[in-house]
Amino acid sequence: MSPVREAWTDDRLDDLSRRVSRGFDRVDADVRGFRAEMNRGFDRVDARFDAMQRTLLQVGGGLIAAIVASAIASQL
């Protein structure tokens, strides 16, 4: 194990600063990628809910039409 340095030189502090900045840049890129992936996932979920809503409206409209037709037929 190397001995612990008591003093930091300007060059070492600059190097540390660059390494920390690169690390944050990498994390920022990862977070941006994750956000983009999540947004694509939400778009797919939204599309599925839209399709389900459309199906429910069609089925509901068909049921209402069947009930009305049945009521009219029973009156004749």
N, C-alpha and C. Protein backbone atom coordinates (compact mmCIF):
# COMPACT_ATOMS: atom_id res chain seq x y z
N MET A 1 0.85 -1.17 0.00
CA MET A 1 0.00 0.00 0.00
C MET A 1 0.90 1.23 0.00
N SER A 2 0.52 2.22 -0.80
CA SER A 2 1.35 3.43 -0.88
C SER A 2 1.06 4.33 0.32
N PRO A 3 2.05 5.10 0.72
CA PRO A 3 1.84 5.99 1.86
C PRO A 3 0.88 7.13 1.50
N VAL A 4 0.17 7.62 2.48
CA VAL A 4 -0.79 8.70 2.28
C VAL A 4 -0.02 10.01 2.15
N ARG A 5 -0.40 10.82 1.15
CA ARG A 5 0.28 12.10 0.95
C ARG A 5 -0.27 13.11 1.96
N GLU A 6 0.62 13.88 2.48
CA GLU A 6 0.24 14.91 3.44
C GLU A 6 -0.22 16.18 2.72
N ALA A 7 0.38 16.47 1.56
CA ALA A 7 0.06 17.72 0.86
C ALA A 7 -0.34 17.39 -0.58
N TRP A 8 -1.22 18.17 -1.10
CA TRP A 8 -1.68 18.01 -2.47
C TRP A 8 -1.08 19.14 -3.30
N THR A 9 -0.52 18.77 -4.42
CA THR A 9 0.01 19.79 -5.32
C THR A 9 -1.11 20.30 -6.21
N ASP A 10 -0.85 21.45 -6.83
CA ASP A 10 -1.87 21.99 -7.74
C ASP A 10 -2.16 21.03 -8.88
N ASP A 11 -1.12 20.36 -9.38
CA ASP A 11 -1.33 19.42 -10.48
C ASP A 11 -2.23 18.26 -10.04
N ARG A 12 -2.01 17.75 -8.84
CA ARG A 12 -2.83 16.65 -8.37
C ARG A 12 -4.27 17.10 -8.11
N LEU A 13 -4.44 18.31 -7.60
CA LEU A 13 -5.79 18.83 -7.39
C LEU A 13 -6.50 19.03 -8.73
N ASP A 14 -5.76 19.52 -9.73
CA ASP A 14 -6.35 19.70 -11.07
C ASP A 14 -6.74 18.35 -11.65
N ASP A 15 -5.88 17.35 -11.46
CA ASP A 15 -6.19 16.01 -11.96
C ASP A 15 -7.43 15.45 -11.28
N LEU A 16 -7.51 15.62 -9.98
CA LEU A 16 -8.69 15.17 -9.25
C LEU A 16 -9.95 15.87 -9.75
N SER A 17 -9.84 17.16 -9.96
CA SER A 17 -10.98 17.92 -10.45
C SER A 17 -11.43 17.41 -11.82
N ARG A 18 -10.49 17.11 -12.71
CA ARG A 18 -10.84 16.58 -14.04
C ARG A 18 -11.50 15.21 -13.92
N ARG A 19 -10.97 14.36 -13.05
CA ARG A 19 -11.55 13.02 -12.88
C ARG A 19 -12.96 13.10 -12.31
N VAL A 20 -13.16 13.97 -11.35
CA VAL A 20 -14.50 14.13 -10.78
C VAL A 20 -15.45 14.67 -11.84
N SER A 21 -15.01 15.64 -12.62
CA SER A 21 -15.85 16.20 -13.69
C SER A 21 -16.21 15.14 -14.71
N ARG A 22 -15.25 14.29 -15.10
CA ARG A 22 -15.53 13.21 -16.05
C ARG A 22 -16.54 12.24 -15.45
N GLY A 23 -16.42 11.96 -14.17
CA GLY A 23 -17.37 11.06 -13.52
C GLY A 23 -18.78 11.64 -13.53
N PHE A 24 -18.89 12.93 -13.23
CA PHE A 24 -20.21 13.56 -13.26
C PHE A 24 -20.76 13.62 -14.69
N ASP A 25 -19.89 13.85 -15.66
CA ASP A 25 -20.34 13.86 -17.07
C ASP A 25 -20.89 12.49 -17.45
N ARG A 26 -20.22 11.43 -17.00
CA ARG A 26 -20.67 10.07 -17.31
C ARG A 26 -22.01 9.79 -16.63
N VAL A 27 -22.16 10.20 -15.38
CA VAL A 27 -23.43 10.00 -14.68
C VAL A 27 -24.54 10.80 -15.35
N ASP A 28 -24.22 12.03 -15.77
CA ASP A 28 -25.21 12.85 -16.45
C ASP A 28 -25.66 12.18 -17.75
N ALA A 29 -24.73 11.63 -18.50
CA ALA A 29 -25.08 10.94 -19.75
C ALA A 29 -25.95 9.71 -19.46
N ASP A 30 -25.62 8.98 -18.40
CA ASP A 30 -26.42 7.81 -18.02
C ASP A 30 -27.84 8.21 -17.65
N VAL A 31 -27.97 9.29 -16.89
CA VAL A 31 -29.29 9.75 -16.46
C VAL A 31 -30.11 10.22 -17.67
N ARG A 32 -29.46 10.93 -18.60
CA ARG A 32 -30.17 11.37 -19.81
C ARG A 32 -30.64 10.16 -20.62
N GLY A 33 -29.81 9.15 -20.74
CA GLY A 33 -30.21 7.93 -21.45
C GLY A 33 -31.36 7.24 -20.77
N PHE A 34 -31.31 7.17 -19.44
CA PHE A 34 -32.39 6.54 -18.69
C PHE A 34 -33.70 7.31 -18.87
N ARG A 35 -33.61 8.65 -18.84
CA ARG A 35 -34.83 9.46 -19.04
C ARG A 35 -35.42 9.22 -20.42
N ALA A 36 -34.57 9.16 -21.43
CA ALA A 36 -35.05 8.92 -22.80
C ALA A 36 -35.73 7.56 -22.89
N GLU A 37 -35.13 6.56 -22.25
CA GLU A 37 -35.71 5.21 -22.26
C GLU A 37 -37.05 5.19 -21.54
N MET A 38 -37.14 5.88 -20.43
CA MET A 38 -38.40 5.94 -19.68
C MET A 38 -39.47 6.65 -20.50
N ASN A 39 -39.11 7.73 -21.19
CA ASN A 39 -40.09 8.44 -22.01
C ASN A 39 -40.62 7.55 -23.13
N ARG A 40 -39.75 6.75 -23.74
CA ARG A 40 -40.21 5.82 -24.77
C ARG A 40 -41.16 4.80 -24.16
N GLY A 41 -40.87 4.35 -22.95
CA GLY A 41 -41.74 3.39 -22.27
C GLY A 41 -43.09 4.00 -21.96
N PHE A 42 -43.09 5.26 -21.51
CA PHE A 42 -44.36 5.93 -21.21
C PHE A 42 -45.18 6.12 -22.47
N ASP A 43 -44.52 6.38 -23.60
CA ASP A 43 -45.25 6.53 -24.87
C ASP A 43 -45.96 5.23 -25.23
N ARG A 44 -45.29 4.10 -25.00
CA ARG A 44 -45.91 2.81 -25.29
C ARG A 44 -47.09 2.55 -24.35
N VAL A 45 -46.95 2.90 -23.09
CA VAL A 45 -48.05 2.73 -22.14
C VAL A 45 -49.22 3.62 -22.53
N ASP A 46 -48.93 4.87 -22.92
CA ASP A 46 -50.00 5.77 -23.35
C ASP A 46 -50.74 5.21 -24.55
N ALA A 47 -50.01 4.64 -25.49
CA ALA A 47 -50.65 4.06 -26.68
C ALA A 47 -51.54 2.89 -26.29
N ARG A 48 -51.11 2.08 -25.33
CA ARG A 48 -51.93 0.95 -24.91
C ARG A 48 -53.20 1.42 -24.21
N PHE A 49 -53.09 2.47 -23.37
CA PHE A 49 -54.28 3.00 -22.72
C PHE A 49 -55.23 3.61 -23.74
N ASP A 50 -54.69 4.28 -24.75
CA ASP A 50 -55.55 4.84 -25.81
C ASP A 50 -56.31 3.72 -26.53
N ALA A 51 -55.62 2.64 -26.83
CA ALA A 51 -56.26 1.51 -27.51
C ALA A 51 -57.33 0.88 -26.62
N MET A 52 -57.04 0.76 -25.33
CA MET A 52 -58.01 0.18 -24.41
C MET A 52 -59.24 1.08 -24.30
N GLN A 53 -59.03 2.38 -24.24
CA GLN A 53 -60.16 3.30 -24.15
C GLN A 53 -61.02 3.22 -25.40
N ARG A 54 -60.39 3.14 -26.56
CA ARG A 54 -61.12 3.02 -27.82
C ARG A 54 -61.97 1.74 -27.83
N THR A 55 -61.38 0.64 -27.36
CA THR A 55 -62.09 -0.64 -27.31
C THR A 55 -63.28 -0.57 -26.36
N LEU A 56 -63.07 0.03 -25.20
CA LEU A 56 -64.17 0.16 -24.23
C LEU A 56 -65.31 1.01 -24.79
N LEU A 57 -64.98 2.07 -25.50
CA LEU A 57 -66.02 2.89 -26.11
C LEU A 57 -66.79 2.12 -27.17
N GLN A 58 -66.09 1.33 -27.97
CA GLN A 58 -66.77 0.54 -29.00
C GLN A 58 -67.68 -0.51 -28.38
N VAL A 59 -67.18 -1.21 -27.37
CA VAL A 59 -67.99 -2.24 -26.71
C VAL A 59 -69.18 -1.59 -26.00
N GLY A 60 -68.94 -0.48 -25.31
CA GLY A 60 -70.03 0.21 -24.62
C GLY A 60 -71.08 0.71 -25.59
N GLY A 61 -70.64 1.27 -26.72
CA GLY A 61 -71.59 1.72 -27.73
C GLY A 61 -72.39 0.57 -28.30
N GLY A 62 -71.74 -0.56 -28.52
CA GLY A 62 -72.46 -1.74 -29.01
C GLY A 62 -73.48 -2.24 -28.01
N LEU A 63 -73.13 -2.23 -26.74
CA LEU A 63 -74.09 -2.68 -25.71
C LEU A 63 -75.28 -1.74 -25.62
N ILE A 64 -75.01 -0.45 -25.68
CA ILE A 64 -76.12 0.52 -25.62
C ILE A 64 -77.04 0.33 -26.83
N ALA A 65 -76.44 0.14 -28.01
CA ALA A 65 -77.25 -0.07 -29.21
C ALA A 65 -78.07 -1.35 -29.08
N ALA A 66 -77.50 -2.41 -28.52
CA ALA A 66 -78.22 -3.68 -28.35
C ALA A 66 -79.37 -3.52 -27.36
N ILE A 67 -79.14 -2.77 -26.29
CA ILE A 67 -80.20 -2.56 -25.29
C ILE A 67 -81.33 -1.74 -25.90
N VAL A 68 -80.99 -0.70 -26.63
CA VAL A 68 -82.02 0.14 -27.26
C VAL A 68 -82.80 -0.68 -28.27
N ALA A 69 -82.09 -1.47 -29.09
CA ALA A 69 -82.77 -2.29 -30.09
C ALA A 69 -83.68 -3.32 -29.42
N SER A 70 -83.22 -3.88 -28.32
CA SER A 70 -84.04 -4.85 -27.58
C SER A 70 -85.28 -4.19 -27.00
N ALA A 71 -85.14 -2.99 -26.48
CA ALA A 71 -86.28 -2.27 -25.90
C ALA A 71 -87.30 -1.92 -26.99
N ILE A 72 -86.81 -1.51 -28.13
CA ILE A 72 -87.70 -1.17 -29.24
C ILE A 72 -88.42 -2.42 -29.73
N ALA A 73 -87.70 -3.53 -29.85
CA ALA A 73 -88.28 -4.77 -30.34
C ALA A 73 -89.34 -5.30 -29.37
N SER A 74 -89.13 -5.10 -28.07
CA SER A 74 -90.11 -5.61 -27.11
C SER A 74 -91.38 -4.76 -27.10
N GLN A 75 -91.31 -3.54 -27.59
CA GLN A 75 -92.48 -2.66 -27.64
C GLN A 75 -93.34 -2.96 -28.84
N LEU A 76 -92.79 -3.64 -29.81
CA LEU A 76 -93.58 -3.93 -31.04
C LEU A 76 -94.47 -5.09 -30.89
